[in-house]
Amino acid sequence: MKKILLVFCFFQLSIYGFAEAAPKAELWSFWLANDPASLQVVDHHLWQEFLNHNLVPGRDGINRLTYAKISPEDKKRLDDYLEQLTAVSVTKLKRSQQKAFWINLYNALTVKVVLDYYPVKSINDIAISPGWFVRGPWGKTLLAVEGRKLSLDDIEHRILRPVWSDPLVHYAVNCASLSCPNLQAEAFTGANLERLLEQGARDYINHPRGARFEQKRLVVSSIYKWFADDFGTADQAVIEHLKRYAAAPLRQQLQAVTKISAYDYDWHLNDVAAAE
């Protein structure tokens, strides 16, 4: 009976997103190939149009999507965009174009998955990844680029994180949850890439879901625990990262602390309907 109870508890933790670990960054070496001299520019206008029609900035600082009201035309626009991206020879692009490509692909594909299973309260409820005690859609193969089958985990943990080793990537990819960094209103491009990454970091860190103080205790997003290898394994390394993008008075408060007291994350869907 105890064994059955333990298995059930583990199942509950897995499904509802309380697991403390995230996948390690493990390089998929095929995607290191690039062409620094390439002049090719990937067209992201379909994704931009989709965002223009369906992304709503909230008064609470959280961008939400109108999942329940997305038109058939916009659903087709999203499908067409993803099909367009699967035809791109990514390894023949220069690095900035590649980075924007993978970020947009991840975000658009995440929205597509949510729409395919909507209505749901959380992306964790879309338990389509292979294996036992799975949660979410991240491990499922969803499409192919240059003949390589890809999952959301592949894009984030085998391409974006290890190829660029840039912690700001975490402020760009969106997991369709309230505590996730915002889905940006602009499609990423080679031209706006660095600006949007910096903006994403500032917006998130200066929002309560990124970092806040509760009775002089520093509470930060669980992202900084799940991806400690990217931000720095020691509390002080994370705090230094926060100070780099923090505005006053948060920056002043951060000067007085040397440890993180708690982590927090809300997996509820970034859905306009839930906020109405």
Protein backbone atom coordinates (compact mmCIF):
# COMPACT_ATOMS: atom_id res chain seq x y z
CA MET A 1 0.00 0.00 0.00
CA LYS A 2 2.88 2.39 0.85
CA LYS A 3 4.49 1.73 -2.54
CA ILE A 4 1.21 2.53 -4.31
CA LEU A 5 0.88 5.76 -2.32
CA LEU A 6 4.44 6.81 -3.15
CA VAL A 7 3.86 6.18 -6.86
CA PHE A 8 0.62 8.18 -6.74
CA CYS A 9 2.33 11.10 -5.00
CA PHE A 10 5.13 11.12 -7.56
CA PHE A 11 2.53 11.07 -10.33
CA GLN A 12 0.76 14.07 -8.80
CA LEU A 13 4.01 16.02 -8.48
CA SER A 14 4.92 15.29 -12.08
CA ILE A 15 1.56 16.24 -13.52
CA TYR A 16 1.12 19.48 -11.60
CA GLY A 17 4.56 20.88 -12.25
CA PHE A 18 6.21 20.76 -8.84
CA ALA A 19 9.29 18.91 -10.07
CA GLU A 20 12.40 20.88 -9.16
CA ALA A 21 14.64 19.85 -12.06
CA ALA A 22 14.72 21.00 -15.67
CA PRO A 23 16.48 19.23 -18.55
CA LYS A 24 20.21 19.80 -18.80
CA ALA A 25 21.63 21.65 -21.78
CA GLU A 26 22.99 18.93 -24.08
CA LEU A 27 24.35 20.17 -27.40
CA TRP A 28 22.96 18.78 -30.64
CA SER A 29 26.14 19.39 -32.65
CA PHE A 30 24.41 19.34 -36.05
CA TRP A 31 22.93 22.76 -35.28
CA LEU A 32 26.32 24.39 -34.70
CA ALA A 33 26.68 24.83 -38.47
CA ASN A 34 26.15 28.41 -39.68
CA ASP A 35 27.22 30.80 -42.43
CA PRO A 36 28.59 34.12 -41.10
CA ALA A 37 28.52 35.57 -44.63
CA SER A 38 24.87 34.71 -45.27
CA LEU A 39 22.60 37.59 -46.26
CA GLN A 40 19.42 35.50 -46.02
CA VAL A 41 16.71 37.00 -43.80
CA VAL A 42 13.93 34.76 -42.47
CA ASP A 43 10.44 36.19 -42.95
CA HIS A 44 8.48 36.30 -39.68
CA HIS A 45 5.60 38.53 -40.81
CA LEU A 46 2.95 35.80 -40.36
CA TRP A 47 3.91 35.40 -36.72
CA GLN A 48 3.90 39.17 -36.28
CA GLU A 49 0.39 39.39 -37.71
CA PHE A 50 -0.79 36.61 -35.42
CA LEU A 51 0.64 38.46 -32.40
CA ASN A 52 -0.89 41.76 -33.54
CA HIS A 53 -4.35 40.17 -33.61
CA ASN A 54 -4.23 38.02 -30.48
CA LEU A 55 -1.70 39.20 -27.88
CA VAL A 56 -3.10 41.49 -25.18
CA PRO A 57 -0.86 43.38 -22.72
CA GLY A 58 -2.43 43.20 -19.26
CA ARG A 59 -2.57 46.04 -16.76
CA ASP A 60 -0.71 43.69 -14.41
CA GLY A 61 2.28 43.61 -16.77
CA ILE A 62 1.56 40.13 -18.12
CA ASN A 63 0.95 39.58 -21.84
CA ARG A 64 -1.91 37.15 -22.50
CA LEU A 65 -3.35 35.47 -25.57
CA THR A 66 -7.01 35.45 -26.61
CA TYR A 67 -7.00 31.65 -27.07
CA ALA A 68 -10.79 31.33 -27.03
CA LYS A 69 -11.29 34.00 -29.69
CA ILE A 70 -8.50 33.23 -32.15
CA SER A 71 -10.08 33.20 -35.60
CA PRO A 72 -9.85 30.38 -38.14
CA GLU A 73 -7.87 32.80 -40.32
CA ASP A 74 -5.29 33.34 -37.59
CA LYS A 75 -5.09 29.61 -36.85
CA LYS A 76 -4.31 29.06 -40.51
CA ARG A 77 -1.81 31.92 -40.40
CA LEU A 78 -0.05 30.16 -37.51
CA ASP A 79 -0.05 26.82 -39.34
CA ASP A 80 1.31 28.47 -42.48
CA TYR A 81 4.05 30.16 -40.49
CA LEU A 82 5.19 26.92 -38.88
CA GLU A 83 5.15 25.18 -42.25
CA GLN A 84 7.21 28.03 -43.68
CA LEU A 85 9.82 27.65 -40.92
CA THR A 86 10.16 23.91 -41.47
CA ALA A 87 11.32 24.67 -45.04
CA VAL A 88 14.19 26.94 -43.92
CA SER A 89 17.80 25.69 -44.20
CA VAL A 90 18.77 26.97 -40.78
CA THR A 91 22.37 25.78 -40.94
CA LYS A 92 22.95 28.15 -43.88
CA LEU A 93 21.94 31.23 -41.88
CA LYS A 94 24.17 33.51 -39.84
CA ARG A 95 23.98 33.25 -36.07
CA SER A 96 21.61 36.18 -35.38
CA GLN A 97 19.09 34.88 -37.90
CA GLN A 98 19.34 31.40 -36.39
CA LYS A 99 18.73 32.60 -32.85
CA ALA A 100 15.66 34.60 -33.86
CA PHE A 101 14.44 31.61 -35.89
CA TRP A 102 14.60 29.18 -32.97
CA ILE A 103 13.01 31.59 -30.48
CA ASN A 104 10.08 32.32 -32.78
CA LEU A 105 9.69 28.65 -33.68
CA TYR A 106 9.56 27.68 -30.01
CA ASN A 107 6.99 30.34 -29.15
CA ALA A 108 4.77 29.76 -32.19
CA LEU A 109 4.89 26.00 -31.71
CA THR A 110 3.95 26.35 -28.03
CA VAL A 111 0.92 28.45 -28.98
CA LYS A 112 -0.03 25.88 -31.63
CA VAL A 113 0.07 23.05 -29.08
CA VAL A 114 -2.08 24.97 -26.60
CA LEU A 115 -4.63 25.78 -29.31
CA ASP A 116 -4.76 22.13 -30.36
CA TYR A 117 -5.79 21.10 -26.82
CA TYR A 118 -7.64 24.21 -25.67
CA PRO A 119 -9.44 24.71 -23.32
CA VAL A 120 -6.89 23.81 -20.66
CA LYS A 121 -6.05 25.51 -17.38
CA SER A 122 -2.33 24.87 -17.70
CA ILE A 123 0.11 23.70 -20.35
CA ASN A 124 1.07 21.01 -17.83
CA ASP A 125 -2.32 19.42 -18.53
CA ILE A 126 -1.24 18.68 -22.11
CA ALA A 127 0.57 15.51 -21.07
CA ILE A 128 1.62 14.24 -24.50
CA SER A 129 5.34 13.75 -23.89
CA PRO A 130 6.55 10.15 -24.12
CA GLY A 131 7.27 8.10 -21.00
CA TRP A 132 5.72 7.49 -17.60
CA PHE A 133 4.63 10.25 -15.20
CA VAL A 134 5.04 12.90 -17.89
CA ARG A 135 3.71 16.43 -17.75
CA GLY A 136 3.34 18.94 -20.52
CA PRO A 137 4.06 18.66 -24.24
CA TRP A 138 7.79 19.43 -24.19
CA GLY A 139 9.17 15.97 -24.95
CA LYS A 140 6.90 15.11 -27.88
CA THR A 141 8.24 15.31 -31.43
CA LEU A 142 6.14 17.98 -33.14
CA LEU A 143 7.82 18.84 -36.46
CA ALA A 144 11.02 18.52 -38.46
CA VAL A 145 13.57 21.06 -39.75
CA GLU A 146 16.21 20.01 -42.28
CA GLY A 147 15.00 16.44 -41.85
CA ARG A 148 15.64 16.46 -38.08
CA LYS A 149 12.62 15.73 -35.90
CA LEU A 150 12.23 18.23 -33.10
CA SER A 151 10.44 18.63 -29.80
CA LEU A 152 10.16 21.79 -27.74
CA ASP A 153 12.78 20.33 -25.40
CA ASP A 154 15.12 19.85 -28.35
CA ILE A 155 14.76 23.48 -29.41
CA GLU A 156 15.36 24.90 -25.94
CA HIS A 157 17.78 22.48 -24.30
CA ARG A 158 19.69 20.99 -27.24
CA ILE A 159 19.90 24.06 -29.49
CA LEU A 160 19.18 27.48 -27.93
CA ARG A 161 20.79 27.00 -24.52
CA PRO A 162 23.95 25.09 -25.48
CA VAL A 163 24.67 26.82 -28.81
CA TRP A 164 24.45 30.38 -27.43
CA SER A 165 25.07 29.91 -23.69
CA ASP A 166 23.03 33.07 -23.17
CA PRO A 167 20.86 33.27 -20.03
CA LEU A 168 18.76 35.96 -21.71
CA VAL A 169 17.23 33.22 -23.87
CA HIS A 170 15.09 32.36 -20.85
CA TYR A 171 13.41 35.77 -21.16
CA ALA A 172 12.57 35.10 -24.82
CA VAL A 173 11.03 31.61 -24.91
CA ASN A 174 7.51 31.48 -23.54
CA CYS A 175 5.90 28.45 -21.87
CA ALA A 176 2.31 29.81 -22.03
CA SER A 177 2.19 30.33 -18.25
CA LEU A 178 1.53 33.36 -16.07
CA SER A 179 4.92 33.19 -14.36
CA CYS A 180 6.82 32.79 -17.60
CA PRO A 181 8.57 35.83 -19.09
CA ASN A 182 6.20 37.61 -21.45
CA LEU A 183 5.49 36.45 -24.96
CA GLN A 184 6.88 39.49 -26.75
CA ALA A 185 4.58 41.61 -28.89
CA GLU A 186 7.30 41.73 -31.57
CA ALA A 187 8.49 38.76 -33.54
CA PHE A 188 12.22 38.26 -33.02
CA THR A 189 14.42 39.16 -35.99
CA GLY A 190 18.13 39.41 -36.55
CA ALA A 191 17.80 43.19 -36.31
CA ASN A 192 15.83 43.48 -33.04
CA LEU A 193 17.21 40.37 -31.32
CA GLU A 194 19.50 41.95 -28.73
CA ARG A 195 17.08 44.76 -27.94
CA LEU A 196 14.22 42.33 -27.26
CA LEU A 197 16.42 40.05 -25.14
CA GLU A 198 17.50 42.97 -22.96
CA GLN A 199 13.93 44.28 -22.78
CA GLY A 200 12.66 40.85 -21.79
CA ALA A 201 15.17 40.64 -18.94
CA ARG A 202 14.32 44.11 -17.62
CA ASP A 203 10.57 43.56 -17.88
CA TYR A 204 10.67 40.22 -16.07
CA ILE A 205 13.13 41.05 -13.32
CA ASN A 206 11.27 44.26 -12.46
CA HIS A 207 7.93 42.45 -12.28
CA PRO A 208 6.91 40.66 -9.04
CA ARG A 209 6.89 37.26 -10.76
CA GLY A 210 10.58 37.69 -11.55
CA ALA A 211 11.88 39.12 -8.27
CA ARG A 212 10.22 40.71 -5.26
CA PHE A 213 10.71 41.25 -1.55
CA GLU A 214 8.31 39.93 1.08
CA GLN A 215 9.12 41.24 4.56
CA LYS A 216 12.76 41.79 3.51
CA ARG A 217 12.97 38.24 2.10
CA LEU A 218 13.96 37.85 -1.55
CA VAL A 219 11.50 35.73 -3.54
CA VAL A 220 12.40 34.96 -7.15
CA SER A 221 11.04 32.95 -10.05
CA SER A 222 11.69 29.22 -10.01
CA ILE A 223 13.39 29.74 -13.38
CA TYR A 224 16.50 30.77 -11.42
CA LYS A 225 16.50 27.42 -9.64
CA TRP A 226 15.56 25.20 -12.58
CA PHE A 227 18.27 26.77 -14.76
CA ALA A 228 20.86 27.50 -12.10
CA ASP A 229 23.63 26.35 -14.44
CA ASP A 230 22.75 29.22 -16.79
CA PHE A 231 22.43 32.01 -14.22
CA GLY A 232 25.01 30.85 -11.68
CA THR A 233 24.62 28.07 -9.15
CA ALA A 234 25.22 30.30 -6.10
CA ASP A 235 22.57 32.70 -4.83
CA GLN A 236 24.99 35.61 -5.12
CA ALA A 237 25.49 34.96 -8.86
CA VAL A 238 21.74 35.10 -9.44
CA ILE A 239 21.46 38.27 -7.34
CA GLU A 240 24.22 39.91 -9.39
CA HIS A 241 22.34 38.99 -12.55
CA LEU A 242 19.16 40.52 -11.13
CA LYS A 243 20.96 43.73 -10.15
CA ARG A 244 22.24 44.16 -13.71
CA TYR A 245 18.67 44.66 -14.98
CA ALA A 246 16.86 45.87 -11.85
CA ALA A 247 15.53 49.40 -11.62
CA ALA A 248 15.25 51.40 -8.41
CA PRO A 249 14.05 50.63 -5.77
CA LEU A 250 14.55 46.91 -6.48
CA ARG A 251 18.26 47.45 -7.16
CA GLN A 252 18.72 49.12 -3.77
CA GLN A 253 16.91 46.28 -2.02
CA LEU A 254 19.09 43.72 -3.78
CA GLN A 255 22.23 45.44 -2.47
CA ALA A 256 21.24 44.41 1.05
CA VAL A 257 20.78 40.65 0.49
CA THR A 258 23.15 37.76 -0.12
CA LYS A 259 20.70 34.87 -0.38
CA ILE A 260 17.43 33.88 -2.01
CA SER A 261 14.75 33.01 0.54
CA ALA A 262 12.13 31.39 -1.70
CA TYR A 263 11.15 30.48 -5.25
CA ASP A 264 7.73 30.80 -6.84
CA TYR A 265 5.99 29.92 -10.12
CA ASP A 266 2.40 30.03 -11.38
CA TRP A 267 1.68 27.50 -14.14
CA HIS A 268 -1.81 28.78 -14.97
CA LEU A 269 -2.30 29.47 -18.68
CA ASN A 270 -1.57 32.98 -19.95
CA ASP A 271 -5.16 33.18 -21.15
CA VAL A 272 -7.12 36.41 -21.50
CA ALA A 273 -10.36 34.51 -20.76
CA ALA A 274 -9.10 33.47 -17.32
CA ALA A 275 -8.37 37.08 -16.41
CA GLU A 276 -11.79 38.43 -17.43
